All heavy atoms as atom14 arrays in JSON, in Angstrom:
{
  "sequence": "KLGPTEFRLLTTFMEKPGRVWSREQLLDRVWGRDIYVDTRTVDVHIG",
  "atom14_mask": [
    [1, 1, 1, 1, 1, 1, 1, 1, 1, 0, 0, 0, 0, 0],
    [1, 1, 1, 1, 1, 1, 1, 1, 0, 0, 0, 0, 0, 0],
    [1, 1, 1, 1, 0, 0, 0, 0, 0, 0, 0, 0, 0, 0],
    [1, 1, 1, 1, 1, 1, 1, 0, 0, 0, 0, 0, 0, 0],
    [1, 1, 1, 1, 1, 1, 1, 0, 0, 0, 0, 0, 0, 0],
    [1, 1, 1, 1, 1, 1, 1, 1, 1, 0, 0, 0, 0, 0],
    [1, 1, 1, 1, 1, 1, 1, 1, 1, 1, 1, 0, 0, 0],
    [1, 1, 1, 1, 1, 1, 1, 1, 1, 1, 1, 0, 0, 0],
    [1, 1, 1, 1, 1, 1, 1, 1, 0, 0, 0, 0, 0, 0],
    [1, 1, 1, 1, 1, 1, 1, 1, 0, 0, 0, 0, 0, 0],
    [1, 1, 1, 1, 1, 1, 1, 0, 0, 0, 0, 0, 0, 0],
    [1, 1, 1, 1, 1, 1, 1, 0, 0, 0, 0, 0, 0, 0],
    [1, 1, 1, 1, 1, 1, 1, 1, 1, 1, 1, 0, 0, 0],
    [1, 1, 1, 1, 1, 1, 1, 1, 0, 0, 0, 0, 0, 0],
    [1, 1, 1, 1, 1, 1, 1, 1, 1, 0, 0, 0, 0, 0],
    [1, 1, 1, 1, 1, 1, 1, 1, 1, 0, 0, 0, 0, 0],
    [1, 1, 1, 1, 1, 1, 1, 0, 0, 0, 0, 0, 0, 0],
    [1, 1, 1, 1, 0, 0, 0, 0, 0, 0, 0, 0, 0, 0],
    [1, 1, 1, 1, 1, 1, 1, 1, 1, 1, 1, 0, 0, 0],
    [1, 1, 1, 1, 1, 1, 1, 0, 0, 0, 0, 0, 0, 0],
    [1, 1, 1, 1, 1, 1, 1, 1, 1, 1, 1, 1, 1, 1],
    [1, 1, 1, 1, 1, 1, 0, 0, 0, 0, 0, 0, 0, 0],
    [1, 1, 1, 1, 1, 1, 1, 1, 1, 1, 1, 0, 0, 0],
    [1, 1, 1, 1, 1, 1, 1, 1, 1, 0, 0, 0, 0, 0],
    [1, 1, 1, 1, 1, 1, 1, 1, 1, 0, 0, 0, 0, 0],
    [1, 1, 1, 1, 1, 1, 1, 1, 0, 0, 0, 0, 0, 0],
    [1, 1, 1, 1, 1, 1, 1, 1, 0, 0, 0, 0, 0, 0],
    [1, 1, 1, 1, 1, 1, 1, 1, 0, 0, 0, 0, 0, 0],
    [1, 1, 1, 1, 1, 1, 1, 1, 1, 1, 1, 0, 0, 0],
    [1, 1, 1, 1, 1, 1, 1, 0, 0, 0, 0, 0, 0, 0],
    [1, 1, 1, 1, 1, 1, 1, 1, 1, 1, 1, 1, 1, 1],
    [1, 1, 1, 1, 0, 0, 0, 0, 0, 0, 0, 0, 0, 0],
    [1, 1, 1, 1, 1, 1, 1, 1, 1, 1, 1, 0, 0, 0],
    [1, 1, 1, 1, 1, 1, 1, 1, 0, 0, 0, 0, 0, 0],
    [1, 1, 1, 1, 1, 1, 1, 1, 0, 0, 0, 0, 0, 0],
    [1, 1, 1, 1, 1, 1, 1, 1, 1, 1, 1, 1, 0, 0],
    [1, 1, 1, 1, 1, 1, 1, 0, 0, 0, 0, 0, 0, 0],
    [1, 1, 1, 1, 1, 1, 1, 1, 0, 0, 0, 0, 0, 0],
    [1, 1, 1, 1, 1, 1, 1, 0, 0, 0, 0, 0, 0, 0],
    [1, 1, 1, 1, 1, 1, 1, 1, 1, 1, 1, 0, 0, 0],
    [1, 1, 1, 1, 1, 1, 1, 0, 0, 0, 0, 0, 0, 0],
    [1, 1, 1, 1, 1, 1, 1, 0, 0, 0, 0, 0, 0, 0],
    [1, 1, 1, 1, 1, 1, 1, 1, 0, 0, 0, 0, 0, 0],
    [1, 1, 1, 1, 1, 1, 1, 0, 0, 0, 0, 0, 0, 0],
    [1, 1, 1, 1, 1, 1, 1, 1, 1, 1, 0, 0, 0, 0],
    [1, 1, 1, 1, 1, 1, 1, 1, 0, 0, 0, 0, 0, 0],
    [1, 1, 1, 1, 0, 0, 0, 0, 0, 0, 0, 0, 0, 0]
  ],
  "atom14_positions": [
    [[-129.0, -83.44, 51.72], [-128.21, -82.54, 52.56], [-128.21, -83.09, 53.99], [-129.2, -83.01, 54.7], [-128.8, -81.13, 52.54], [-128.83, -80.49, 51.16], [-127.42, -80.26, 50.63], [-127.46, -79.53, 49.28], [-126.1, -79.42, 48.7], [0.0, 0.0, 0.0], [0.0, 0.0, 0.0], [0.0, 0.0, 0.0], [0.0, 0.0, 0.0], [0.0, 0.0, 0.0]],
    [[-127.08, -83.66, 54.38], [-126.94, -84.23, 55.72], [-126.01, -83.38, 56.57], [-125.0, -82.86, 56.08], [-126.36, -85.65, 55.66], [-127.23, -86.77, 55.08], [-126.41, -88.05, 55.01], [-128.47, -86.99, 55.92], [0.0, 0.0, 0.0], [0.0, 0.0, 0.0], [0.0, 0.0, 0.0], [0.0, 0.0, 0.0], [0.0, 0.0, 0.0], [0.0, 0.0, 0.0]],
    [[-126.33, -83.24, 57.86], [-125.41, -82.61, 58.78], [-124.21, -83.52, 59.01], [-124.26, -84.72, 58.7], [0.0, 0.0, 0.0], [0.0, 0.0, 0.0], [0.0, 0.0, 0.0], [0.0, 0.0, 0.0], [0.0, 0.0, 0.0], [0.0, 0.0, 0.0], [0.0, 0.0, 0.0], [0.0, 0.0, 0.0], [0.0, 0.0, 0.0], [0.0, 0.0, 0.0]],
    [[-123.12, -82.99, 59.59], [-121.9, -83.8, 59.76], [-122.1, -85.05, 60.62], [-121.55, -86.11, 60.31], [-120.9, -82.83, 60.41], [-121.69, -81.64, 60.83], [-122.92, -81.6, 60.01], [0.0, 0.0, 0.0], [0.0, 0.0, 0.0], [0.0, 0.0, 0.0], [0.0, 0.0, 0.0], [0.0, 0.0, 0.0], [0.0, 0.0, 0.0], [0.0, 0.0, 0.0]],
    [[-122.92, -84.95, 61.67], [-123.14, -86.13, 62.52], [-123.96, -87.17, 61.78], [-123.66, -88.37, 61.84], [-123.84, -85.73, 63.83], [-123.02, -84.78, 64.51], [-124.05, -86.94, 64.72], [0.0, 0.0, 0.0], [0.0, 0.0, 0.0], [0.0, 0.0, 0.0], [0.0, 0.0, 0.0], [0.0, 0.0, 0.0], [0.0, 0.0, 0.0], [0.0, 0.0, 0.0]],
    [[-125.0, -86.73, 61.06], [-125.82, -87.67, 60.3], [-124.99, -88.32, 59.19], [-125.17, -89.51, 58.89], [-127.03, -86.96, 59.7], [-128.1, -86.58, 60.72], [-127.66, -85.43, 61.63], [-127.07, -84.46, 61.12], [-127.9, -85.52, 62.84], [0.0, 0.0, 0.0], [0.0, 0.0, 0.0], [0.0, 0.0, 0.0], [0.0, 0.0, 0.0], [0.0, 0.0, 0.0]],
    [[-124.07, -87.56, 58.6], [-123.19, -88.11, 57.56], [-122.32, -89.22, 58.15], [-122.15, -90.3, 57.56], [-122.32, -87.02, 56.95], [-121.43, -87.49, 55.83], [-121.9, -87.53, 54.52], [-120.13, -87.91, 56.07], [-121.09, -87.98, 53.49], [-119.32, -88.36, 55.05], [-119.81, -88.39, 53.75], [0.0, 0.0, 0.0], [0.0, 0.0, 0.0], [0.0, 0.0, 0.0]],
    [[-121.76, -88.99, 59.34], [-120.9, -90.01, 59.98], [-121.72, -91.24, 60.37], [-121.23, -92.37, 60.26], [-120.19, -89.41, 61.2], [-119.16, -88.34, 60.85], [-118.25, -88.01, 62.02], [-118.96, -87.44, 63.14], [-119.17, -86.15, 63.33], [-118.74, -85.27, 62.42], [-119.79, -85.7, 64.4], [0.0, 0.0, 0.0], [0.0, 0.0, 0.0], [0.0, 0.0, 0.0]],
    [[-122.95, -91.02, 60.84], [-123.82, -92.15, 61.16], [-124.09, -93.0, 59.92], [-123.97, -94.23, 59.95], [-125.15, -91.65, 61.72], [-125.26, -91.4, 63.22], [-126.59, -90.72, 63.54], [-125.13, -92.7, 64.01], [0.0, 0.0, 0.0], [0.0, 0.0, 0.0], [0.0, 0.0, 0.0], [0.0, 0.0, 0.0], [0.0, 0.0, 0.0], [0.0, 0.0, 0.0]],
    [[-124.47, -92.33, 58.82], [-124.78, -93.07, 57.6], [-123.55, -93.8, 57.08], [-123.66, -94.94, 56.61], [-125.33, -92.1, 56.54], [-125.77, -92.76, 55.22], [-126.86, -93.79, 55.45], [-126.23, -91.7, 54.22], [0.0, 0.0, 0.0], [0.0, 0.0, 0.0], [0.0, 0.0, 0.0], [0.0, 0.0, 0.0], [0.0, 0.0, 0.0], [0.0, 0.0, 0.0]],
    [[-122.38, -93.17, 57.18], [-121.15, -93.83, 56.75], [-120.92, -95.12, 57.54], [-120.61, -96.17, 56.98], [-119.94, -92.89, 56.95], [-120.13, -91.7, 56.2], [-118.65, -93.56, 56.48], [0.0, 0.0, 0.0], [0.0, 0.0, 0.0], [0.0, 0.0, 0.0], [0.0, 0.0, 0.0], [0.0, 0.0, 0.0], [0.0, 0.0, 0.0], [0.0, 0.0, 0.0]],
    [[-121.1, -95.04, 58.86], [-120.93, -96.22, 59.72], [-121.89, -97.33, 59.29], [-121.49, -98.5, 59.15], [-121.18, -95.83, 61.19], [-120.21, -94.85, 61.57], [-121.06, -97.04, 62.1], [0.0, 0.0, 0.0], [0.0, 0.0, 0.0], [0.0, 0.0, 0.0], [0.0, 0.0, 0.0], [0.0, 0.0, 0.0], [0.0, 0.0, 0.0], [0.0, 0.0, 0.0]],
    [[-123.15, -96.99, 59.07], [-124.14, -97.99, 58.65], [-123.79, -98.59, 57.3], [-123.9, -99.8, 57.08], [-125.53, -97.37, 58.57], [-126.17, -97.11, 59.91], [-126.81, -95.9, 60.17], [-126.16, -98.07, 60.91], [-127.42, -95.66, 61.39], [-126.77, -97.84, 62.14], [-127.4, -96.63, 62.38], [0.0, 0.0, 0.0], [0.0, 0.0, 0.0], [0.0, 0.0, 0.0]],
    [[-123.36, -97.73, 56.34], [-123.14, -98.2, 54.97], [-121.87, -99.03, 54.84], [-121.73, -99.8, 53.9], [-123.15, -97.02, 54.0], [-124.54, -96.42, 53.84], [-124.65, -95.14, 52.58], [-124.36, -96.07, 51.06], [0.0, 0.0, 0.0], [0.0, 0.0, 0.0], [0.0, 0.0, 0.0], [0.0, 0.0, 0.0], [0.0, 0.0, 0.0], [0.0, 0.0, 0.0]],
    [[-120.94, -98.88, 55.78], [-119.74, -99.72, 55.73], [-120.06, -101.17, 56.09], [-119.39, -102.09, 55.63], [-118.68, -99.17, 56.69], [-118.0, -97.93, 56.14], [-116.9, -97.41, 57.05], [-116.98, -97.59, 58.28], [-115.95, -96.83, 56.51], [0.0, 0.0, 0.0], [0.0, 0.0, 0.0], [0.0, 0.0, 0.0], [0.0, 0.0, 0.0], [0.0, 0.0, 0.0]],
    [[-121.09, -101.37, 56.91], [-121.46, -102.74, 57.31], [-122.98, -102.88, 57.3], [-123.62, -102.95, 58.37], [-120.9, -103.05, 58.7], [-119.39, -103.08, 58.79], [-118.95, -103.49, 60.18], [-117.48, -103.32, 60.4], [-116.6, -104.18, 59.74], [0.0, 0.0, 0.0], [0.0, 0.0, 0.0], [0.0, 0.0, 0.0], [0.0, 0.0, 0.0], [0.0, 0.0, 0.0]],
    [[-123.59, -102.91, 56.1], [-125.05, -103.07, 56.04], [-125.49, -104.35, 56.73], [-124.84, -105.38, 56.62], [-125.33, -103.15, 54.53], [-124.16, -102.5, 53.88], [-122.98, -102.82, 54.76], [0.0, 0.0, 0.0], [0.0, 0.0, 0.0], [0.0, 0.0, 0.0], [0.0, 0.0, 0.0], [0.0, 0.0, 0.0], [0.0, 0.0, 0.0], [0.0, 0.0, 0.0]],
    [[-126.58, -104.25, 57.47], [-127.1, -105.42, 58.17], [-126.56, -105.59, 59.57], [-127.18, -106.25, 60.41], [0.0, 0.0, 0.0], [0.0, 0.0, 0.0], [0.0, 0.0, 0.0], [0.0, 0.0, 0.0], [0.0, 0.0, 0.0], [0.0, 0.0, 0.0], [0.0, 0.0, 0.0], [0.0, 0.0, 0.0], [0.0, 0.0, 0.0], [0.0, 0.0, 0.0]],
    [[-125.39, -105.02, 59.86], [-124.83, -105.14, 61.22], [-125.65, -104.29, 62.19], [-126.02, -103.16, 61.89], [-123.37, -104.66, 61.24], [-122.86, -104.53, 62.67], [-121.43, -104.15, 62.8], [-121.13, -103.82, 64.2], [-119.9, -103.69, 64.68], [-118.86, -103.87, 63.9], [-119.7, -103.36, 65.94], [0.0, 0.0, 0.0], [0.0, 0.0, 0.0], [0.0, 0.0, 0.0]],
    [[-125.93, -104.85, 63.36], [-126.65, -104.11, 64.4], [-125.63, -103.39, 65.27], [-124.73, -104.01, 65.83], [-127.51, -105.05, 65.26], [-128.22, -104.26, 66.35], [-128.54, -105.78, 64.38], [0.0, 0.0, 0.0], [0.0, 0.0, 0.0], [0.0, 0.0, 0.0], [0.0, 0.0, 0.0], [0.0, 0.0, 0.0], [0.0, 0.0, 0.0], [0.0, 0.0, 0.0]],
    [[-125.77, -102.07, 65.36], [-124.9, -101.24, 66.18], [-125.65, -100.81, 67.44], [-126.75, -100.27, 67.34], [-124.47, -99.98, 65.42], [-123.63, -100.23, 64.22], [-124.05, -100.5, 62.96], [-122.2, -100.19, 64.15], [-122.98, -100.66, 62.11], [-121.83, -100.47, 62.81], [-121.19, -99.95, 65.09], [-120.5, -100.5, 62.39], [-119.87, -99.99, 64.67], [-119.54, -100.27, 63.34]],
    [[-125.07, -101.04, 68.6], [-125.68, -100.53, 69.83], [-125.45, -99.02, 69.89], [-124.6, -98.47, 69.2], [-125.05, -101.19, 71.06], [-123.71, -100.75, 71.24], [0.0, 0.0, 0.0], [0.0, 0.0, 0.0], [0.0, 0.0, 0.0], [0.0, 0.0, 0.0], [0.0, 0.0, 0.0], [0.0, 0.0, 0.0], [0.0, 0.0, 0.0], [0.0, 0.0, 0.0]],
    [[-126.2, -98.35, 70.76], [-126.02, -96.9, 70.92], [-124.59, -96.59, 71.38], [-123.98, -95.61, 70.94], [-127.04, -96.35, 71.9], [-128.47, -96.32, 71.35], [-129.49, -96.05, 72.45], [-130.85, -95.99, 71.9], [-131.6, -97.05, 71.64], [-131.11, -98.28, 71.84], [-132.82, -96.9, 71.16], [0.0, 0.0, 0.0], [0.0, 0.0, 0.0], [0.0, 0.0, 0.0]],
    [[-124.06, -97.4, 72.29], [-122.7, -97.17, 72.8], [-121.66, -97.32, 71.69], [-120.7, -96.55, 71.6], [-122.39, -98.15, 73.95], [-123.17, -97.9, 75.23], [-124.62, -98.37, 75.15], [-124.97, -99.13, 74.21], [-125.4, -97.97, 76.02], [0.0, 0.0, 0.0], [0.0, 0.0, 0.0], [0.0, 0.0, 0.0], [0.0, 0.0, 0.0], [0.0, 0.0, 0.0]],
    [[-121.85, -98.32, 70.82], [-120.91, -98.5, 69.71], [-120.98, -97.33, 68.74], [-119.95, -96.87, 68.22], [-121.23, -99.81, 68.97], [-120.85, -101.06, 69.76], [-121.38, -102.33, 69.12], [-122.42, -102.33, 68.45], [-120.67, -103.42, 69.32], [0.0, 0.0, 0.0], [0.0, 0.0, 0.0], [0.0, 0.0, 0.0], [0.0, 0.0, 0.0], [0.0, 0.0, 0.0]],
    [[-122.19, -96.83, 68.49], [-122.33, -95.67, 67.6], [-121.69, -94.43, 68.22], [-121.06, -93.64, 67.52], [-123.8, -95.42, 67.29], [-124.46, -96.46, 66.37], [-125.96, -96.23, 66.3], [-123.85, -96.41, 64.96], [0.0, 0.0, 0.0], [0.0, 0.0, 0.0], [0.0, 0.0, 0.0], [0.0, 0.0, 0.0], [0.0, 0.0, 0.0], [0.0, 0.0, 0.0]],
    [[-121.84, -94.27, 69.53], [-121.18, -93.14, 70.2], [-119.67, -93.19, 70.02], [-119.03, -92.2, 69.7], [-121.53, -93.13, 71.7], [-122.93, -92.64, 72.08], [-123.17, -92.83, 73.57], [-123.12, -91.18, 71.7], [0.0, 0.0, 0.0], [0.0, 0.0, 0.0], [0.0, 0.0, 0.0], [0.0, 0.0, 0.0], [0.0, 0.0, 0.0], [0.0, 0.0, 0.0]],
    [[-119.08, -94.39, 70.22], [-117.63, -94.54, 70.06], [-117.2, -94.25, 68.64], [-116.2, -93.55, 68.4], [-117.19, -95.96, 70.44], [-117.19, -96.19, 71.93], [-117.31, -95.21, 72.68], [-117.06, -97.36, 72.35], [0.0, 0.0, 0.0], [0.0, 0.0, 0.0], [0.0, 0.0, 0.0], [0.0, 0.0, 0.0], [0.0, 0.0, 0.0], [0.0, 0.0, 0.0]],
    [[-117.93, -94.78, 67.65], [-117.52, -94.68, 66.25], [-117.78, -93.28, 65.68], [-116.97, -92.75, 64.94], [-118.25, -95.74, 65.42], [-117.95, -95.72, 63.93], [-116.49, -96.03, 63.63], [-116.14, -97.41, 63.87], [-116.14, -98.36, 62.94], [-116.5, -98.08, 61.71], [-115.79, -99.59, 63.23], [0.0, 0.0, 0.0], [0.0, 0.0, 0.0], [0.0, 0.0, 0.0]],
    [[-118.91, -92.69, 66.04], [-119.32, -91.42, 65.41], [-118.86, -90.2, 66.19], [-118.37, -89.23, 65.62], [-120.85, -91.4, 65.23], [-121.33, -90.05, 64.7], [-121.28, -92.51, 64.27], [0.0, 0.0, 0.0], [0.0, 0.0, 0.0], [0.0, 0.0, 0.0], [0.0, 0.0, 0.0], [0.0, 0.0, 0.0], [0.0, 0.0, 0.0], [0.0, 0.0, 0.0]],
    [[-118.98, -90.25, 67.51], [-118.59, -89.1, 68.33], [-117.17, -89.21, 68.86], [-116.53, -88.22, 69.15], [-119.56, -88.93, 69.51], [-120.86, -88.27, 69.14], [-121.13, -86.93, 69.27], [-122.04, -88.87, 68.6], [-122.43, -86.68, 68.83], [-123.01, -87.85, 68.42], [-122.38, -90.17, 68.25], [-124.28, -88.1, 67.9], [-123.64, -90.43, 67.73], [-124.58, -89.4, 67.57]],
    [[-116.67, -90.44, 69.03], [-115.33, -90.65, 69.56], [-115.38, -91.1, 71.01], [-116.29, -90.75, 71.77], [0.0, 0.0, 0.0], [0.0, 0.0, 0.0], [0.0, 0.0, 0.0], [0.0, 0.0, 0.0], [0.0, 0.0, 0.0], [0.0, 0.0, 0.0], [0.0, 0.0, 0.0], [0.0, 0.0, 0.0], [0.0, 0.0, 0.0], [0.0, 0.0, 0.0]],
    [[-114.39, -91.89, 71.41], [-114.39, -92.5, 72.75], [-114.17, -91.47, 73.86], [-114.54, -91.7, 75.01], [-113.29, -93.56, 72.84], [-113.55, -94.78, 71.99], [-112.44, -95.8, 72.18], [-112.37, -96.28, 73.54], [-113.1, -97.28, 74.02], [-113.97, -97.89, 73.27], [-112.96, -97.67, 75.28], [0.0, 0.0, 0.0], [0.0, 0.0, 0.0], [0.0, 0.0, 0.0]],
    [[-113.51, -90.36, 73.56], [-113.13, -89.41, 74.61], [-114.18, -88.33, 74.85], [-113.95, -87.41, 75.63], [-111.79, -88.75, 74.25], [-110.68, -89.78, 74.09], [-110.71, -90.78, 74.83], [-109.8, -89.58, 73.24], [0.0, 0.0, 0.0], [0.0, 0.0, 0.0], [0.0, 0.0, 0.0], [0.0, 0.0, 0.0], [0.0, 0.0, 0.0], [0.0, 0.0, 0.0]],
    [[-115.3, -88.41, 74.16], [-116.34, -87.38, 74.3], [-117.55, -87.99, 74.99], [-118.03, -89.05, 74.6], [-116.74, -86.83, 72.91], [-115.52, -86.18, 72.25], [-117.88, -85.83, 73.03], [-115.75, -85.75, 70.83], [0.0, 0.0, 0.0], [0.0, 0.0, 0.0], [0.0, 0.0, 0.0], [0.0, 0.0, 0.0], [0.0, 0.0, 0.0], [0.0, 0.0, 0.0]],
    [[-118.03, -87.31, 76.05], [-119.22, -87.83, 76.74], [-120.47, -87.27, 76.08], [-120.67, -86.06, 76.03], [-119.22, -87.49, 78.22], [-120.52, -87.95, 78.87], [-120.73, -89.31, 79.13], [-121.55, -87.06, 79.12], [-121.93, -89.76, 79.66], [-122.76, -87.49, 79.65], [-122.94, -88.84, 79.92], [-124.13, -89.29, 80.42], [0.0, 0.0, 0.0], [0.0, 0.0, 0.0]],
    [[-121.29, -88.15, 75.57], [-122.58, -87.78, 74.98], [-123.61, -88.77, 75.51], [-123.36, -89.97, 75.55], [-122.53, -87.83, 73.43], [-123.88, -87.41, 72.84], [-121.43, -86.94, 72.88], [0.0, 0.0, 0.0], [0.0, 0.0, 0.0], [0.0, 0.0, 0.0], [0.0, 0.0, 0.0], [0.0, 0.0, 0.0], [0.0, 0.0, 0.0], [0.0, 0.0, 0.0]],
    [[-124.77, -88.28, 75.89], [-125.85, -89.14, 76.36], [-126.31, -90.05, 75.23], [-126.42, -89.61, 74.08], [-127.01, -88.28, 76.86], [-128.03, -89.11, 77.63], [-128.78, -89.87, 76.97], [-128.08, -89.0, 78.87], [0.0, 0.0, 0.0], [0.0, 0.0, 0.0], [0.0, 0.0, 0.0], [0.0, 0.0, 0.0], [0.0, 0.0, 0.0], [0.0, 0.0, 0.0]],
    [[-126.61, -91.32, 75.55], [-127.02, -92.26, 74.5], [-128.3, -91.81, 73.8], [-128.54, -92.17, 72.65], [-127.21, -93.68, 75.07], [-128.11, -93.62, 76.17], [-125.89, -94.29, 75.51], [0.0, 0.0, 0.0], [0.0, 0.0, 0.0], [0.0, 0.0, 0.0], [0.0, 0.0, 0.0], [0.0, 0.0, 0.0], [0.0, 0.0, 0.0], [0.0, 0.0, 0.0]],
    [[-129.14, -91.01, 74.49], [-130.37, -90.55, 73.85], [-130.08, -89.61, 72.68], [-130.92, -89.44, 71.79], [-131.26, -89.85, 74.89], [-131.94, -90.83, 75.86], [-132.64, -90.11, 76.98], [-131.68, -89.41, 77.84], [-132.01, -88.77, 78.96], [-133.26, -88.74, 79.35], [-131.1, -88.16, 79.69], [0.0, 0.0, 0.0], [0.0, 0.0, 0.0], [0.0, 0.0, 0.0]],
    [[-128.88, -89.01, 72.69], [-128.49, -88.15, 71.59], [-128.43, -88.96, 70.29], [-128.73, -88.44, 69.21], [-127.1, -87.52, 71.87], [-127.17, -86.82, 73.1], [-126.68, -86.57, 70.77], [0.0, 0.0, 0.0], [0.0, 0.0, 0.0], [0.0, 0.0, 0.0], [0.0, 0.0, 0.0], [0.0, 0.0, 0.0], [0.0, 0.0, 0.0], [0.0, 0.0, 0.0]],
    [[-128.04, -90.23, 70.39], [-127.99, -91.09, 69.21], [-129.38, -91.19, 68.58], [-129.55, -91.06, 67.37], [-127.48, -92.51, 69.57], [-127.54, -93.43, 68.37], [-126.05, -92.43, 70.12], [0.0, 0.0, 0.0], [0.0, 0.0, 0.0], [0.0, 0.0, 0.0], [0.0, 0.0, 0.0], [0.0, 0.0, 0.0], [0.0, 0.0, 0.0], [0.0, 0.0, 0.0]],
    [[-130.4, -91.38, 69.43], [-131.78, -91.5, 68.91], [-132.21, -90.24, 68.17], [-132.87, -90.31, 67.13], [-132.75, -91.77, 70.06], [-132.41, -93.05, 70.83], [-131.85, -93.97, 70.2], [-132.69, -93.12, 72.03], [0.0, 0.0, 0.0], [0.0, 0.0, 0.0], [0.0, 0.0, 0.0], [0.0, 0.0, 0.0], [0.0, 0.0, 0.0], [0.0, 0.0, 0.0]],
    [[-131.82, -89.08, 68.7], [-132.18, -87.8, 68.06], [-131.58, -87.72, 66.66], [-132.27, -87.38, 65.69], [-131.69, -86.61, 68.92], [-131.88, -85.29, 68.16], [-132.44, -86.57, 70.25], [0.0, 0.0, 0.0], [0.0, 0.0, 0.0], [0.0, 0.0, 0.0], [0.0, 0.0, 0.0], [0.0, 0.0, 0.0], [0.0, 0.0, 0.0], [0.0, 0.0, 0.0]],
    [[-130.29, -88.07, 66.55], [-129.62, -87.97, 65.24], [-130.09, -89.06, 64.28], [-130.13, -88.83, 63.07], [-128.11, -88.0, 65.44], [-127.56, -86.71, 65.99], [-127.34, -85.6, 65.2], [-127.24, -86.35, 67.25], [-126.88, -84.62, 65.96], [-126.81, -85.05, 67.21], [0.0, 0.0, 0.0], [0.0, 0.0, 0.0], [0.0, 0.0, 0.0], [0.0, 0.0, 0.0]],
    [[-130.44, -90.23, 64.8], [-131.03, -91.27, 63.95], [-132.33, -90.74, 63.36], [-132.63, -90.94, 62.17], [-131.27, -92.57, 64.74], [-129.95, -93.24, 65.11], [-132.16, -93.53, 63.94], [-129.23, -93.95, 63.98], [0.0, 0.0, 0.0], [0.0, 0.0, 0.0], [0.0, 0.0, 0.0], [0.0, 0.0, 0.0], [0.0, 0.0, 0.0], [0.0, 0.0, 0.0]],
    [[-133.13, -90.07, 64.19], [-134.39, -89.49, 63.71], [-134.16, -88.48, 62.59], [-134.88, -88.46, 61.59], [0.0, 0.0, 0.0], [0.0, 0.0, 0.0], [0.0, 0.0, 0.0], [0.0, 0.0, 0.0], [0.0, 0.0, 0.0], [0.0, 0.0, 0.0], [0.0, 0.0, 0.0], [0.0, 0.0, 0.0], [0.0, 0.0, 0.0], [0.0, 0.0, 0.0]]
  ]
}
């Protein structure tokens, strides 16, 4: 049972296994470019 943000994160990872994603790239892909979210939020959802 994954929340919607965790589901989007896992989808991003599973589309390109092994690729290293920076926090900024994950923010763009998962949250969208037009939304301001602190990069530390990425760490919380990764956890």
